[in-house]
Amino acid sequence: MSLFTAREPRKYRPRRIYTSEREEKLQKLVNEVRREQGEKVDEPYDPTKFKGTFSQYTPHAKRYSEGGRRMAWPIALFLVIILILLWHWLLTGRIHW
């Protein structure tokens, strides 16, 4: 057992720097024709396609996405009053007004 472990090298991922817009448009057109003919077409993952679909099927997630987490105004008012009383007590040392 050694103190240091050898890391695996990163996998090679070729990345194109220069792309051809003409090839991309042609590939989209070919995919569209294949889709119309009923063939299965491999498309890249698009995260915007599924955005918001989960929250519409669960009531808790729907409530959270619509309203978020808001504090009710009576609770906020109560906390402000408590903080003012605490501040007054720390300054004067008395609880009475």
C-alpha atoms as a PDB file:
ATOM      1  CA  MET A   1       0.000   0.000   0.000  1.00  0.00           C
ATOM      2  CA  SER A   2       1.485   3.314  -1.013  1.00  0.00           C
ATOM      3  CA  LEU A   3       0.838   6.843   0.134  1.00  0.00           C
ATOM      4  CA  PHE A   4       0.098   8.124  -3.317  1.00  0.00           C
ATOM      5  CA  THR A   5      -2.217   6.501  -5.820  1.00  0.00           C
ATOM      6  CA  ALA A   6      -1.723   6.738  -9.533  1.00  0.00           C
ATOM      7  CA  ARG A   7      -4.550   8.525 -11.280  1.00  0.00           C
ATOM      8  CA  GLU A   8      -5.987   7.232 -14.503  1.00  0.00           C
ATOM      9  CA  PRO A   9      -5.307   9.451 -17.494  1.00  0.00           C
ATOM     10  CA  ARG A  10      -8.213  11.412 -18.942  1.00  0.00           C
ATOM     11  CA  LYS A  11     -10.110   9.866 -21.783  1.00  0.00           C
ATOM     12  CA  TYR A  12      -9.541  11.369 -25.196  1.00  0.00           C
ATOM     13  CA  ARG A  13     -12.525  13.422 -26.329  1.00  0.00           C
ATOM     14  CA  PRO A  14     -12.050  14.921 -29.773  1.00  0.00           C
ATOM     15  CA  ARG A  15     -13.621  18.356 -30.029  1.00  0.00           C
ATOM     16  CA  ARG A  16     -14.135  20.166 -33.260  1.00  0.00           C
ATOM     17  CA  ILE A  17     -12.964  23.744 -33.241  1.00  0.00           C
ATOM     18  CA  TYR A  18     -14.263  24.691 -36.641  1.00  0.00           C
ATOM     19  CA  THR A  19     -17.758  23.587 -37.642  1.00  0.00           C
ATOM     20  CA  SER A  20     -19.576  23.801 -40.896  1.00  0.00           C
ATOM     21  CA  GLU A  21     -23.011  25.408 -40.667  1.00  0.00           C
ATOM     22  CA  ARG A  22     -23.929  23.880 -43.989  1.00  0.00           C
ATOM     23  CA  GLU A  23     -23.255  20.363 -42.651  1.00  0.00           C
ATOM     24  CA  GLU A  24     -25.319  21.064 -39.514  1.00  0.00           C
ATOM     25  CA  LYS A  25     -28.293  22.310 -41.547  1.00  0.00           C
ATOM     26  CA  LEU A  26     -28.039  19.317 -43.858  1.00  0.00           C
ATOM     27  CA  GLN A  27     -27.906  16.928 -40.884  1.00  0.00           C
ATOM     28  CA  LYS A  28     -30.985  18.574 -39.328  1.00  0.00           C
ATOM     29  CA  LEU A  29     -32.835  18.221 -42.621  1.00  0.00           C
ATOM     30  CA  VAL A  30     -31.865  14.549 -42.905  1.00  0.00           C
ATOM     31  CA  ASN A  31     -32.997  13.909 -39.311  1.00  0.00           C
ATOM     32  CA  GLU A  32     -36.324  15.638 -39.980  1.00  0.00           C
ATOM     33  CA  VAL A  33     -36.962  13.495 -43.066  1.00  0.00           C
ATOM     34  CA  ARG A  34     -36.059  10.334 -41.168  1.00  0.00           C
ATOM     35  CA  ARG A  35     -38.370  11.328 -38.313  1.00  0.00           C
ATOM     36  CA  GLU A  36     -41.232  11.877 -40.779  1.00  0.00           C
ATOM     37  CA  GLN A  37     -40.609   8.442 -42.277  1.00  0.00           C
ATOM     38  CA  GLY A  38     -40.841   6.877 -38.823  1.00  0.00           C
ATOM     39  CA  GLU A  39     -37.211   6.004 -38.264  1.00  0.00           C
ATOM     40  CA  LYS A  40     -35.576   6.444 -34.904  1.00  0.00           C
ATOM     41  CA  VAL A  41     -33.234   9.444 -34.929  1.00  0.00           C
ATOM     42  CA  ASP A  42     -30.493  10.016 -32.361  1.00  0.00           C
ATOM     43  CA  GLU A  43     -30.698  13.624 -31.245  1.00  0.00           C
ATOM     44  CA  PRO A  44     -28.384  15.406 -28.838  1.00  0.00           C
ATOM     45  CA  TYR A  45     -29.706  15.951 -25.332  1.00  0.00           C
ATOM     46  CA  ASP A  46     -31.603  19.211 -24.954  1.00  0.00           C
ATOM     47  CA  PRO A  47     -32.242  20.167 -21.303  1.00  0.00           C
ATOM     48  CA  THR A  48     -34.865  22.774 -22.229  1.00  0.00           C
ATOM     49  CA  LYS A  49     -37.062  20.050 -23.695  1.00  0.00           C
ATOM     50  CA  PHE A  50     -37.915  18.649 -20.255  1.00  0.00           C
ATOM     51  CA  LYS A  51     -37.781  21.836 -18.196  1.00  0.00           C
ATOM     52  CA  GLY A  52     -40.822  22.126 -15.943  1.00  0.00           C
ATOM     53  CA  THR A  53     -42.386  18.772 -16.821  1.00  0.00           C
ATOM     54  CA  PHE A  54     -41.705  17.147 -13.441  1.00  0.00           C
ATOM     55  CA  SER A  55     -43.174  19.972 -11.385  1.00  0.00           C
ATOM     56  CA  GLN A  56     -46.521  19.890 -13.163  1.00  0.00           C
ATOM     57  CA  TYR A  57     -47.191  16.289 -12.082  1.00  0.00           C
ATOM     58  CA  THR A  58     -46.417  16.547  -8.369  1.00  0.00           C
ATOM     59  CA  PRO A  59     -48.448  18.893  -6.168  1.00  0.00           C
ATOM     60  CA  HIS A  60     -45.586  19.641  -3.777  1.00  0.00           C
ATOM     61  CA  ALA A  61     -43.195  20.602  -6.581  1.00  0.00           C
ATOM     62  CA  LYS A  62     -45.919  22.640  -8.282  1.00  0.00           C
ATOM     63  CA  ARG A  63     -46.593  24.587  -5.086  1.00  0.00           C
ATOM     64  CA  TYR A  64     -42.882  25.173  -4.564  1.00  0.00           C
ATOM     65  CA  SER A  65     -42.284  26.388  -8.108  1.00  0.00           C
ATOM     66  CA  GLU A  66     -45.310  28.683  -8.067  1.00  0.00           C
ATOM     67  CA  GLY A  67     -44.868  30.285  -4.673  1.00  0.00           C
ATOM     68  CA  GLY A  68     -41.439  29.428  -3.467  1.00  0.00           C
ATOM     69  CA  ARG A  69     -40.797  29.606   0.255  1.00  0.00           C
ATOM     70  CA  ARG A  70     -42.243  32.813   1.626  1.00  0.00           C
ATOM     71  CA  MET A  71     -42.540  33.643   5.274  1.00  0.00           C
ATOM     72  CA  ALA A  72     -45.988  34.719   6.372  1.00  0.00           C
ATOM     73  CA  TRP A  73     -46.174  38.341   7.472  1.00  0.00           C
ATOM     74  CA  PRO A  74     -47.379  37.590  11.050  1.00  0.00           C
ATOM     75  CA  ILE A  75     -44.346  35.410  11.669  1.00  0.00           C
ATOM     76  CA  ALA A  76     -42.033  38.076  10.251  1.00  0.00           C
ATOM     77  CA  LEU A  77     -43.679  40.753  12.409  1.00  0.00           C
ATOM     78  CA  PHE A  78     -43.329  38.551  15.513  1.00  0.00           C
ATOM     79  CA  LEU A  79     -39.640  37.986  14.788  1.00  0.00           C
ATOM     80  CA  VAL A  80     -39.031  41.721  14.328  1.00  0.00           C
ATOM     81  CA  ILE A  81     -40.695  42.474  17.681  1.00  0.00           C
ATOM     82  CA  ILE A  82     -38.634  39.779  19.399  1.00  0.00           C
ATOM     83  CA  LEU A  83     -35.430  41.185  17.877  1.00  0.00           C
ATOM     84  CA  ILE A  84     -36.303  44.712  19.033  1.00  0.00           C
ATOM     85  CA  LEU A  85     -36.949  43.451  22.576  1.00  0.00           C
ATOM     86  CA  LEU A  86     -33.682  41.520  22.544  1.00  0.00           C
ATOM     87  CA  TRP A  87     -31.799  44.588  21.285  1.00  0.00           C
ATOM     88  CA  HIS A  88     -33.403  46.752  24.027  1.00  0.00           C
ATOM     89  CA  TRP A  89     -32.505  44.190  26.695  1.00  0.00           C
ATOM     90  CA  LEU A  90     -28.875  44.003  25.518  1.00  0.00           C
ATOM     91  CA  LEU A  91     -28.502  47.792  25.584  1.00  0.00           C
ATOM     92  CA  THR A  92     -30.198  48.550  28.894  1.00  0.00           C
ATOM     93  CA  GLY A  93     -30.109  45.291  30.813  1.00  0.00           C
ATOM     94  CA  ARG A  94     -33.806  45.687  31.663  1.00  0.00           C
ATOM     95  CA  ILE A  95     -36.780  43.853  30.223  1.00  0.00           C
ATOM     96  CA  HIS A  96     -39.333  46.558  31.174  1.00  0.00           C
ATOM     97  CA  TRP A  97     -40.085  49.476  28.835  1.00  0.00           C
END
